[in-house]
Amino acid sequence: MILISGRLATRVCVGLLLLFAMARAALAADPLVDPAWVVARIGKPGIVFVDLQPSKAYMDAHIPGAVNTSYAKDGWRAERKADKVPDMLPEDLGPLQAMIGTRLGIDNATHVVIVPQGETPADVSQATRLYWTFKVIGHDQVSLLNGGMAAYMEDDKNPIQQGIIKAAPKSFKASLRKDMIVTLEDVKKARAAGVVLVDGRPDDQYVGIAKHPKATVAGTIGGAKSVPYYWTMNGTQFRSREHQEKLFRHAGAPTGGEQIAFCNTGQFASVPWFVASELFGNKQAKLYDGSMVEYTMLKAEGVERKIPLD
């Protein structure tokens, strides 16, 4: 029997954790791909293009072989039963994993490429939210088409297909990463500890002159930094890393270290989370799913209105 001292055992454990993290990173796909990358891989096995266009636009033109999903109707988000907080990661992942496998033809070895419509930054934020969802349910092989279908259609030589694609059903098994889930209590503790909170909403909501219909109070979580989701894009394509870093610095938000992004219901915030976690590589960046709607519905303290008008 070989005995290992406490100090050596600690070093061994740390080393194994680092190796595990490196292996996980190696398995992950590039977060952003461009139209040329897509064209080169059309028809390749093991890749599924998930199109987020409205059904009519999808039927008129999509990447050959792409399957279509409805962000609003296909169970990507759900109301929490206990307190009616809307648009949360579903508590029961069974229907979602069944939809991903059966309807979209995705299994756990599939490289998923999410294709937003690419008409507005808001529709891109739907894609980053789906990207986050795949990561949370344990799927690292996921990418996002930068600029979406609009960028793809800029080159009329890129092949398109019409009609509806019915995927061959596969089996997908979700594996929830609890370390990526941020609860209201986590936000309270983080705020008390001085962890940076990043508000990804439009600035009129940040300063408190507008609010989401289901938020009970206008304003932001006290001390939060404002990084509106649309700042991170030039049109609907993500800005360069250099430009993103300048934006974060201007907002007083760090590019590394602990931080929690929030918005109204966890959609817009998925954009600054995506930039921090996936483009900067800061795996200490997290997304608060419940965001301001949960925070205000459950009467959490510390909401700040920077410009009170009443």
Foldseek 3Di string as FASTA:
>chain_A
DDDDDPVRVVVVVVVVVVVVVVVLVVPFDAAEDELVVVLVCVPPPQEEEEEADPPVVQQVKDQPRHAYDHLPPQQCFAQDPPQRQGGFRDPDCVSVQQCCQQFRVDALRHQYEYAFQLQAQLSVLSVLSVVVSCVQQPRRNYYYHFSGPVNNVVDVVRDIHHDHDGYHGGGYHGHGDVVQEAEPVNVVVCVVVVAEEEEQAPVCQQQFVDDDPLQPGGHFFPPHFYDHLCQQDDRRGGDALVSVCVSCVVRVHHLEDAYEYAYQAFRSSSRVLCCSCNVSVHVNYHYHRSHRSVCRSVPPDRGDNNDDPD
